[in-house]
C-alpha atoms as a PDB file:
ATOM      1  CA  LYS A   1      11.580   3.857  50.950  1.00  0.00           C
ATOM      2  CA  TYR A   2      11.650   4.681  47.239  1.00  0.00           C
ATOM      3  CA  THR A   3      13.850   1.819  46.075  1.00  0.00           C
ATOM      4  CA  LYS A   4      10.852  -0.475  45.512  1.00  0.00           C
ATOM      5  CA  PHE A   5       8.355   0.562  42.868  1.00  0.00           C
ATOM      6  CA  SER A   6       6.243  -0.809  40.047  1.00  0.00           C
ATOM      7  CA  ILE A   7       6.024   0.274  36.425  1.00  0.00           C
ATOM      8  CA  SER A   8       2.825  -0.159  34.420  1.00  0.00           C
ATOM      9  CA  TYR A   9       2.135   0.396  30.729  1.00  0.00           C
ATOM     10  CA  TYR A  10      -1.436   0.669  29.508  1.00  0.00           C
ATOM     11  CA  TRP A  11      -3.602   2.331  26.892  1.00  0.00           C
ATOM     12  CA  ILE A  12      -6.941   4.048  26.917  1.00  0.00           C
ATOM     13  CA  ASN A  13      -9.082   3.607  23.812  1.00  0.00           C
ATOM     14  CA  SER A  14     -11.536   6.089  22.302  1.00  0.00           C
ATOM     15  CA  LEU A  15     -14.295   4.806  24.608  1.00  0.00           C
ATOM     16  CA  GLY A  16     -12.202   5.591  27.697  1.00  0.00           C
ATOM     17  CA  GLN A  17     -11.547   1.933  28.522  1.00  0.00           C
ATOM     18  CA  LYS A  18      -8.194   1.203  30.162  1.00  0.00           C
ATOM     19  CA  THR A  19      -6.288  -1.886  29.001  1.00  0.00           C
ATOM     20  CA  SER A  20      -3.144  -3.075  30.759  1.00  0.00           C
ATOM     21  CA  ILE A  21      -0.216  -3.925  28.479  1.00  0.00           C
ATOM     22  CA  TYR A  22       2.705  -4.662  30.784  1.00  0.00           C
ATOM     23  CA  HIS A  23       3.539  -4.493  34.481  1.00  0.00           C
ATOM     24  CA  ARG A  24       6.703  -5.136  36.399  1.00  0.00           C
ATOM     25  CA  SER A  25       8.113  -4.501  39.855  1.00  0.00           C
ATOM     26  CA  GLU A  26      11.558  -3.054  40.424  1.00  0.00           C
ATOM     27  CA  GLU A  27      13.931  -2.793  43.335  1.00  0.00           C
ATOM     28  CA  VAL A  28      16.913  -0.507  42.859  1.00  0.00           C
ATOM     29  CA  SER A  29      19.955  -0.629  45.104  1.00  0.00           C
ATOM     30  CA  ILE A  30      21.469   2.705  46.107  1.00  0.00           C
ATOM     31  CA  PRO A  31      25.263   2.877  46.076  1.00  0.00           C
ATOM     32  CA  PRO A  32      26.911   4.156  49.256  1.00  0.00           C
ATOM     33  CA  GLY A  33      27.170   7.931  49.283  1.00  0.00           C
ATOM     34  CA  GLU A  34      24.272   8.370  46.820  1.00  0.00           C
ATOM     35  CA  GLU A  35      21.496   8.367  49.418  1.00  0.00           C
ATOM     36  CA  ASN A  36      19.083  11.322  49.386  1.00  0.00           C
ATOM     37  CA  LYS A  37      19.984  12.269  45.831  1.00  0.00           C
ATOM     38  CA  THR A  38      17.618  12.387  42.896  1.00  0.00           C
ATOM     39  CA  ALA A  39      18.276   9.694  40.319  1.00  0.00           C
ATOM     40  CA  THR A  40      16.774   9.183  36.893  1.00  0.00           C
ATOM     41  CA  ILE A  41      16.620   5.698  35.433  1.00  0.00           C
ATOM     42  CA  PRO A  42      15.169   5.192  31.942  1.00  0.00           C
ATOM     43  CA  TYR A  43      12.849   2.259  31.342  1.00  0.00           C
ATOM     44  CA  ASP A  44      11.806   1.624  27.767  1.00  0.00           C
ATOM     45  CA  TYR A  45       9.047  -0.628  26.576  1.00  0.00           C
ATOM     46  CA  THR A  46       8.318  -1.339  22.928  1.00  0.00           C
ATOM     47  CA  ILE A  47       4.872  -2.345  21.742  1.00  0.00           C
ATOM     48  CA  THR A  48       5.679  -5.220  19.430  1.00  0.00           C
ATOM     49  CA  SER A  49       2.624  -5.158  17.206  1.00  0.00           C
ATOM     50  CA  LEU A  50      -0.759  -3.537  17.142  1.00  0.00           C
ATOM     51  CA  GLU A  51      -3.480  -6.119  16.677  1.00  0.00           C
ATOM     52  CA  ASN A  52      -5.813  -4.064  14.506  1.00  0.00           C
ATOM     53  CA  THR A  53      -7.202  -0.582  14.008  1.00  0.00           C
ATOM     54  CA  SER A  54      -9.006  -0.785  17.350  1.00  0.00           C
ATOM     55  CA  SER A  55      -5.562  -0.422  18.977  1.00  0.00           C
ATOM     56  CA  THR A  56      -5.842   3.311  18.352  1.00  0.00           C
ATOM     57  CA  GLY A  57      -5.657   5.252  21.569  1.00  0.00           C
ATOM     58  CA  THR A  58      -3.369   6.998  24.029  1.00  0.00           C
ATOM     59  CA  TYR A  59      -0.641   4.872  25.576  1.00  0.00           C
ATOM     60  CA  TYR A  60       0.623   5.677  29.076  1.00  0.00           C
ATOM     61  CA  CYS A  61       3.103   4.519  31.646  1.00  0.00           C
ATOM     62  CA  ASP A  62       2.986   5.132  35.358  1.00  0.00           C
ATOM     63  CA  VAL A  63       5.247   4.457  38.322  1.00  0.00           C
ATOM     64  CA  LYS A  64       3.906   3.626  41.773  1.00  0.00           C
ATOM     65  CA  TRP A  65       5.651   3.713  45.109  1.00  0.00           C
ATOM     66  CA  ASP A  66       3.853   2.995  48.379  1.00  0.00           C
ATOM     67  CA  ASP A  67       2.326   6.450  48.669  1.00  0.00           C
ATOM     68  CA  ILE A  68       3.059   8.150  45.323  1.00  0.00           C
ATOM     69  CA  GLN A  69       1.906   7.543  41.754  1.00  0.00           C
ATOM     70  CA  ILE A  70       3.359   9.422  38.793  1.00  0.00           C
ATOM     71  CA  MET A  71       1.741   9.090  35.376  1.00  0.00           C
ATOM     72  CA  GLY A  72       3.350   9.960  32.044  1.00  0.00           C
ATOM     73  CA  LYS A  73       1.807  12.416  29.573  1.00  0.00           C
ATOM     74  CA  GLY A  74       0.879   9.668  27.160  1.00  0.00           C
ATOM     75  CA  VAL A  75       1.498   9.086  23.475  1.00  0.00           C
ATOM     76  CA  PHE A  76      -1.382   8.984  20.999  1.00  0.00           C
ATOM     77  CA  VAL A  77      -1.088   6.147  18.473  1.00  0.00           C
ATOM     78  CA  LEU A  78      -3.283   6.015  15.378  1.00  0.00           C
ATOM     79  CA  ALA A  79      -3.390   2.446  14.070  1.00  0.00           C
ATOM     80  CA  ARG A  80      -4.386   2.139  10.436  1.00  0.00           C
ATOM     81  CA  ASP A  81      -5.231  -0.892   8.400  1.00  0.00           C
ATOM     82  CA  THR A  82      -2.853  -1.388   5.470  1.00  0.00           C
ATOM     83  CA  GLY A  83      -2.483   2.267   4.635  1.00  0.00           C
ATOM     84  CA  TYR A  84      -2.185   3.461   1.069  1.00  0.00           C
ATOM     85  CA  VAL A  85      -1.510   0.693  -1.399  1.00  0.00           C
ATOM     86  CA  GLU A  86      -0.597   1.837  -4.878  1.00  0.00           C
ATOM     87  CA  THR A  87      -2.612  -0.090  -7.427  1.00  0.00           C
ATOM     88  CA  PHE A  88      -1.191  -1.167 -10.751  1.00  0.00           C
ATOM     89  CA  TYR A  89      -3.514  -1.653 -13.693  1.00  0.00           C
ATOM     90  CA  VAL A  90      -1.056  -3.582 -15.870  1.00  0.00           C
ATOM     91  CA  TRP A  91      -3.297  -6.626 -16.340  1.00  0.00           C
ATOM     92  CA  GLU A  92      -6.392  -4.511 -16.961  1.00  0.00           C
ATOM     93  CA  ILE A  93      -4.576  -2.448 -19.609  1.00  0.00           C
ATOM     94  CA  LEU A  94      -3.136  -5.583 -21.270  1.00  0.00           C
ATOM     95  CA  ILE A  95      -6.522  -7.328 -21.445  1.00  0.00           C
ATOM     96  CA  THR A  96      -8.246  -4.177 -22.757  1.00  0.00           C
ATOM     97  CA  LEU A  97      -5.583  -3.704 -25.443  1.00  0.00           C
ATOM     98  CA  THR A  98      -5.808  -7.382 -26.484  1.00  0.00           C
ATOM     99  CA  VAL A  99      -9.606  -7.254 -26.752  1.00  0.00           C
ATOM    100  CA  LEU A 100      -9.457  -3.985 -28.715  1.00  0.00           C
ATOM    101  CA  LEU A 101      -6.908  -5.406 -31.177  1.00  0.00           C
ATOM    102  CA  ALA A 102      -8.962  -8.591 -31.592  1.00  0.00           C
ATOM    103  CA  VAL A 103     -12.136  -6.589 -32.335  1.00  0.00           C
ATOM    104  CA  LEU A 104     -10.284  -4.381 -34.843  1.00  0.00           C
ATOM    105  CA  SER A 105      -8.728  -7.446 -36.512  1.00  0.00           C
ATOM    106  CA  ILE A 106     -12.086  -9.213 -36.845  1.00  0.00           C
ATOM    107  CA  THR A 107     -13.709  -6.031 -38.173  1.00  0.00           C
ATOM    108  CA  ALA A 108     -10.924  -5.480 -40.731  1.00  0.00           C
ATOM    109  CA  THR A 109     -11.110  -9.109 -41.893  1.00  0.00           C
ATOM    110  CA  ALA A 110     -14.898  -8.896 -42.219  1.00  0.00           C
ATOM    111  CA  LEU A 111     -14.618  -5.654 -44.234  1.00  0.00           C
ATOM    112  CA  LEU A 112     -12.006  -7.194 -46.551  1.00  0.00           C
ATOM    113  CA  LEU A 113     -14.143 -10.302 -47.138  1.00  0.00           C
ATOM    114  CA  TRP A 114     -17.257  -8.165 -47.687  1.00  0.00           C
ATOM    115  CA  LYS A 115     -15.368  -5.884 -50.129  1.00  0.00           C
ATOM    116  CA  ARG A 116     -14.118  -8.913 -52.078  1.00  0.00           C
ATOM    117  CA  LYS A 117     -17.668 -10.280 -52.514  1.00  0.00           C
ATOM    118  CA  VAL A 118     -19.029  -6.949 -53.699  1.00  0.00           C
END
């Protein structure tokens, strides 16, 4: 009775909307002598990529037999944009230093020419 079941993965966003991610049906054969024993079979599913920050939400899986449904506790995923990006001001510093040196050079040349005339 419990050898046929389906596994579903889905997420619920902050608005409470349920979105299906993946679904598959399974049929497990029971080896002789293992009937009426509890068995645990792991099924992993990896979310390949989150589309954007709206993918934030709680992700669940559930297993359904004919008359039973078991739902996992869920995993909350916070999707961020690019995160922290360290900024480098190398070009800004270089341009500022070049402009400052040019202004000082022009001022010094003007003062020397003015001093020579006086």
